[in-house]
Amino acid sequence: MYVSYDTEARATYVQVADVDVDIDRTVELSEVVMVDLDATGVPVGVEFLVLPGDVSDVMLRLVADRFPALSALQDRSTWLLPAS
């Protein structure tokens, strides 16, 4: 899993695919949560249009409800570094 963020755009991207995979389509779950899928419909990444510390439980639950394979994201300790 790879996490990147853009402070200017106030966006966080969690890449869940182990390798670079072409994004075939994006599913918009809300105005601030989008899931990128490969050609077979497997999630490859999740974009949150907020900074990492602002990703809410509601956003994570929305992702997990629609894509159960991403339910591990609800445990922030697996992908979000603590603030220093």
N, C-alpha and C. Protein backbone atom coordinates (compact mmCIF):
# COMPACT_ATOMS: atom_id res chain seq x y z
N MET A 1 0.85 -1.16 0.00
CA MET A 1 0.00 0.00 0.00
C MET A 1 0.90 1.24 0.00
N TYR A 2 0.52 2.20 -0.79
CA TYR A 2 1.30 3.43 -0.91
C TYR A 2 0.35 4.62 -0.72
N VAL A 3 0.73 5.55 0.12
CA VAL A 3 -0.11 6.72 0.39
C VAL A 3 0.62 7.97 -0.04
N SER A 4 -0.08 8.82 -0.77
CA SER A 4 0.48 10.11 -1.15
C SER A 4 -0.56 11.18 -0.88
N TYR A 5 -0.07 12.39 -0.72
CA TYR A 5 -1.01 13.49 -0.53
C TYR A 5 -0.47 14.75 -1.17
N ASP A 6 -1.40 15.57 -1.56
CA ASP A 6 -1.10 16.83 -2.21
C ASP A 6 -1.68 17.92 -1.33
N THR A 7 -0.81 18.64 -0.64
CA THR A 7 -1.30 19.66 0.28
C THR A 7 -1.98 20.82 -0.44
N GLU A 8 -1.52 21.12 -1.66
CA GLU A 8 -2.17 22.20 -2.42
C GLU A 8 -3.60 21.83 -2.80
N ALA A 9 -3.76 20.61 -3.30
CA ALA A 9 -5.09 20.15 -3.72
C ALA A 9 -5.91 19.64 -2.54
N ARG A 10 -5.26 19.48 -1.39
CA ARG A 10 -5.90 18.92 -0.20
C ARG A 10 -6.51 17.56 -0.53
N ALA A 11 -5.68 16.67 -1.08
CA ALA A 11 -6.14 15.35 -1.50
C ALA A 11 -5.18 14.27 -1.01
N THR A 12 -5.75 13.14 -0.64
CA THR A 12 -5.00 11.98 -0.19
C THR A 12 -5.31 10.83 -1.12
N TYR A 13 -4.27 10.10 -1.56
CA TYR A 13 -4.48 8.94 -2.44
C TYR A 13 -3.85 7.73 -1.79
N VAL A 14 -4.64 6.68 -1.66
CA VAL A 14 -4.17 5.41 -1.11
C VAL A 14 -4.16 4.41 -2.25
N GLN A 15 -2.95 4.05 -2.69
CA GLN A 15 -2.81 3.04 -3.76
C GLN A 15 -2.82 1.68 -3.10
N VAL A 16 -3.77 0.85 -3.44
CA VAL A 16 -3.88 -0.47 -2.82
C VAL A 16 -3.33 -1.59 -3.70
N ALA A 17 -3.11 -1.32 -4.98
CA ALA A 17 -2.51 -2.31 -5.87
C ALA A 17 -1.02 -2.38 -5.59
N ASP A 18 -0.47 -3.59 -5.62
CA ASP A 18 0.95 -3.77 -5.35
C ASP A 18 1.84 -3.25 -6.46
N VAL A 19 1.32 -3.19 -7.66
CA VAL A 19 2.08 -2.73 -8.82
C VAL A 19 1.29 -1.66 -9.54
N ASP A 20 1.98 -0.93 -10.41
CA ASP A 20 1.27 0.06 -11.21
C ASP A 20 0.31 -0.65 -12.16
N VAL A 21 -0.94 -0.30 -12.05
CA VAL A 21 -1.99 -0.89 -12.86
C VAL A 21 -2.73 0.25 -13.54
N ASP A 22 -3.09 0.04 -14.78
CA ASP A 22 -3.86 1.06 -15.49
C ASP A 22 -5.25 1.21 -14.86
N ILE A 23 -5.65 2.44 -14.67
CA ILE A 23 -6.99 2.72 -14.14
C ILE A 23 -7.95 2.73 -15.32
N ASP A 24 -8.97 1.88 -15.23
CA ASP A 24 -9.96 1.77 -16.29
C ASP A 24 -11.12 2.73 -16.07
N ARG A 25 -11.52 2.87 -14.80
CA ARG A 25 -12.62 3.79 -14.49
C ARG A 25 -12.56 4.18 -13.02
N THR A 26 -13.29 5.23 -12.70
CA THR A 26 -13.34 5.73 -11.33
C THR A 26 -14.80 5.77 -10.88
N VAL A 27 -15.05 5.24 -9.70
CA VAL A 27 -16.38 5.24 -9.11
C VAL A 27 -16.41 6.34 -8.05
N GLU A 28 -17.32 7.28 -8.21
CA GLU A 28 -17.47 8.37 -7.25
C GLU A 28 -18.45 7.94 -6.17
N LEU A 29 -17.96 7.77 -4.95
CA LEU A 29 -18.82 7.36 -3.84
C LEU A 29 -19.45 8.56 -3.16
N SER A 30 -18.79 9.70 -3.23
CA SER A 30 -19.32 10.96 -2.71
C SER A 30 -18.54 12.08 -3.38
N GLU A 31 -18.81 13.30 -2.99
CA GLU A 31 -18.09 14.43 -3.58
C GLU A 31 -16.61 14.41 -3.23
N VAL A 32 -16.25 13.68 -2.17
CA VAL A 32 -14.86 13.68 -1.70
C VAL A 32 -14.21 12.30 -1.66
N VAL A 33 -14.91 11.26 -2.11
CA VAL A 33 -14.36 9.90 -2.08
C VAL A 33 -14.56 9.24 -3.44
N MET A 34 -13.44 8.82 -4.05
CA MET A 34 -13.48 8.14 -5.33
C MET A 34 -12.61 6.89 -5.28
N VAL A 35 -13.05 5.83 -5.96
CA VAL A 35 -12.29 4.59 -6.01
C VAL A 35 -11.94 4.31 -7.46
N ASP A 36 -10.63 4.11 -7.72
CA ASP A 36 -10.14 3.76 -9.05
C ASP A 36 -10.15 2.25 -9.21
N LEU A 37 -10.63 1.79 -10.37
CA LEU A 37 -10.73 0.36 -10.66
C LEU A 37 -9.92 0.01 -11.88
N ASP A 38 -9.41 -1.24 -11.92
CA ASP A 38 -8.73 -1.71 -13.13
C ASP A 38 -9.77 -2.25 -14.11
N ALA A 39 -9.33 -2.80 -15.21
CA ALA A 39 -10.24 -3.26 -16.26
C ALA A 39 -11.14 -4.40 -15.80
N THR A 40 -10.74 -5.13 -14.75
CA THR A 40 -11.57 -6.23 -14.25
C THR A 40 -12.47 -5.82 -13.09
N GLY A 41 -12.43 -4.53 -12.72
CA GLY A 41 -13.27 -4.03 -11.64
C GLY A 41 -12.66 -4.14 -10.26
N VAL A 42 -11.38 -4.47 -10.20
CA VAL A 42 -10.68 -4.59 -8.91
C VAL A 42 -10.18 -3.20 -8.49
N PRO A 43 -10.42 -2.81 -7.24
CA PRO A 43 -9.94 -1.50 -6.78
C PRO A 43 -8.41 -1.44 -6.79
N VAL A 44 -7.88 -0.32 -7.30
CA VAL A 44 -6.43 -0.12 -7.31
C VAL A 44 -6.03 1.07 -6.46
N GLY A 45 -6.98 1.94 -6.13
CA GLY A 45 -6.66 3.10 -5.31
C GLY A 45 -7.91 3.84 -4.88
N VAL A 46 -7.74 4.62 -3.81
CA VAL A 46 -8.85 5.41 -3.28
C VAL A 46 -8.35 6.84 -3.11
N GLU A 47 -9.13 7.78 -3.62
CA GLU A 47 -8.79 9.19 -3.46
C GLU A 47 -9.80 9.84 -2.53
N PHE A 48 -9.25 10.53 -1.53
CA PHE A 48 -10.04 11.31 -0.60
C PHE A 48 -9.67 12.77 -0.83
N LEU A 49 -10.63 13.61 -1.14
CA LEU A 49 -10.34 15.01 -1.40
C LEU A 49 -10.28 15.81 -0.10
N VAL A 50 -9.47 15.28 0.81
CA VAL A 50 -9.17 15.91 2.09
C VAL A 50 -7.75 15.51 2.45
N LEU A 51 -7.15 16.23 3.39
CA LEU A 51 -5.83 15.85 3.88
C LEU A 51 -5.95 14.57 4.71
N PRO A 52 -4.85 13.82 4.86
CA PRO A 52 -4.92 12.52 5.54
C PRO A 52 -5.60 12.56 6.91
N GLY A 53 -5.30 13.56 7.70
CA GLY A 53 -5.90 13.65 9.03
C GLY A 53 -7.38 13.93 9.03
N ASP A 54 -7.91 14.33 7.88
CA ASP A 54 -9.33 14.65 7.78
C ASP A 54 -10.17 13.52 7.17
N VAL A 55 -9.53 12.40 6.85
CA VAL A 55 -10.28 11.24 6.36
C VAL A 55 -11.10 10.72 7.55
N SER A 56 -12.41 10.71 7.38
CA SER A 56 -13.30 10.37 8.49
C SER A 56 -13.71 8.90 8.48
N ASP A 57 -14.24 8.46 9.62
CA ASP A 57 -14.78 7.10 9.73
C ASP A 57 -15.91 6.90 8.72
N VAL A 58 -16.70 7.93 8.51
CA VAL A 58 -17.81 7.84 7.56
C VAL A 58 -17.28 7.58 6.15
N MET A 59 -16.23 8.28 5.77
CA MET A 59 -15.62 8.08 4.44
C MET A 59 -15.10 6.65 4.30
N LEU A 60 -14.41 6.17 5.32
CA LEU A 60 -13.84 4.83 5.27
C LEU A 60 -14.92 3.77 5.25
N ARG A 61 -16.00 3.99 5.98
CA ARG A 61 -17.11 3.04 5.98
C ARG A 61 -17.79 3.02 4.61
N LEU A 62 -17.91 4.16 3.98
CA LEU A 62 -18.49 4.26 2.64
C LEU A 62 -17.70 3.40 1.66
N VAL A 63 -16.38 3.49 1.74
CA VAL A 63 -15.51 2.68 0.87
C VAL A 63 -15.69 1.19 1.17
N ALA A 64 -15.63 0.83 2.45
CA ALA A 64 -15.73 -0.58 2.84
C ALA A 64 -17.09 -1.18 2.51
N ASP A 65 -18.15 -0.39 2.64
CA ASP A 65 -19.49 -0.90 2.32
C ASP A 65 -19.62 -1.23 0.84
N ARG A 66 -19.06 -0.40 -0.01
CA ARG A 66 -19.17 -0.61 -1.46
C ARG A 66 -18.12 -1.60 -1.97
N PHE A 67 -16.94 -1.58 -1.34
CA PHE A 67 -15.83 -2.44 -1.77
C PHE A 67 -15.27 -3.17 -0.54
N PRO A 68 -15.89 -4.28 -0.14
CA PRO A 68 -15.45 -5.00 1.07
C PRO A 68 -13.96 -5.37 1.06
N ALA A 69 -13.38 -5.54 -0.10
CA ALA A 69 -11.95 -5.87 -0.17
C ALA A 69 -11.09 -4.75 0.40
N LEU A 70 -11.66 -3.54 0.52
CA LEU A 70 -10.92 -2.40 1.06
C LEU A 70 -11.24 -2.12 2.52
N SER A 71 -11.90 -3.04 3.18
CA SER A 71 -12.30 -2.80 4.57
C SER A 71 -11.11 -2.62 5.50
N ALA A 72 -9.94 -3.12 5.13
CA ALA A 72 -8.74 -2.94 5.97
C ALA A 72 -8.37 -1.47 6.11
N LEU A 73 -8.81 -0.63 5.18
CA LEU A 73 -8.51 0.81 5.28
C LEU A 73 -9.13 1.43 6.52
N GLN A 74 -10.15 0.80 7.07
CA GLN A 74 -10.79 1.35 8.26
C GLN A 74 -9.83 1.37 9.45
N ASP A 75 -8.81 0.52 9.41
CA ASP A 75 -7.76 0.54 10.42
C ASP A 75 -6.67 1.48 9.92
N ARG A 76 -6.77 2.73 10.30
CA ARG A 76 -5.84 3.76 9.81
C ARG A 76 -4.38 3.42 10.10
N SER A 77 -4.12 2.64 11.13
CA SER A 77 -2.73 2.33 11.48
C SER A 77 -2.02 1.54 10.38
N THR A 78 -2.79 0.95 9.45
CA THR A 78 -2.18 0.18 8.37
C THR A 78 -1.73 1.07 7.22
N TRP A 79 -2.18 2.33 7.19
CA TRP A 79 -1.82 3.17 6.04
C TRP A 79 -1.55 4.64 6.38
N LEU A 80 -1.97 5.09 7.54
CA LEU A 80 -1.82 6.50 7.88
C LEU A 80 -0.78 6.66 8.97
N LEU A 81 0.27 7.39 8.65
CA LEU A 81 1.32 7.65 9.63
C LEU A 81 0.80 8.64 10.67
N PRO A 82 1.18 8.44 11.93
CA PRO A 82 0.75 9.40 12.95
C PRO A 82 1.39 10.76 12.73
N ALA A 83 0.69 11.80 13.11
CA ALA A 83 1.23 13.16 12.99
C ALA A 83 2.42 13.30 13.92
N SER A 84 3.43 14.02 13.45
CA SER A 84 4.61 14.19 14.30
C SER A 84 4.67 15.58 14.87
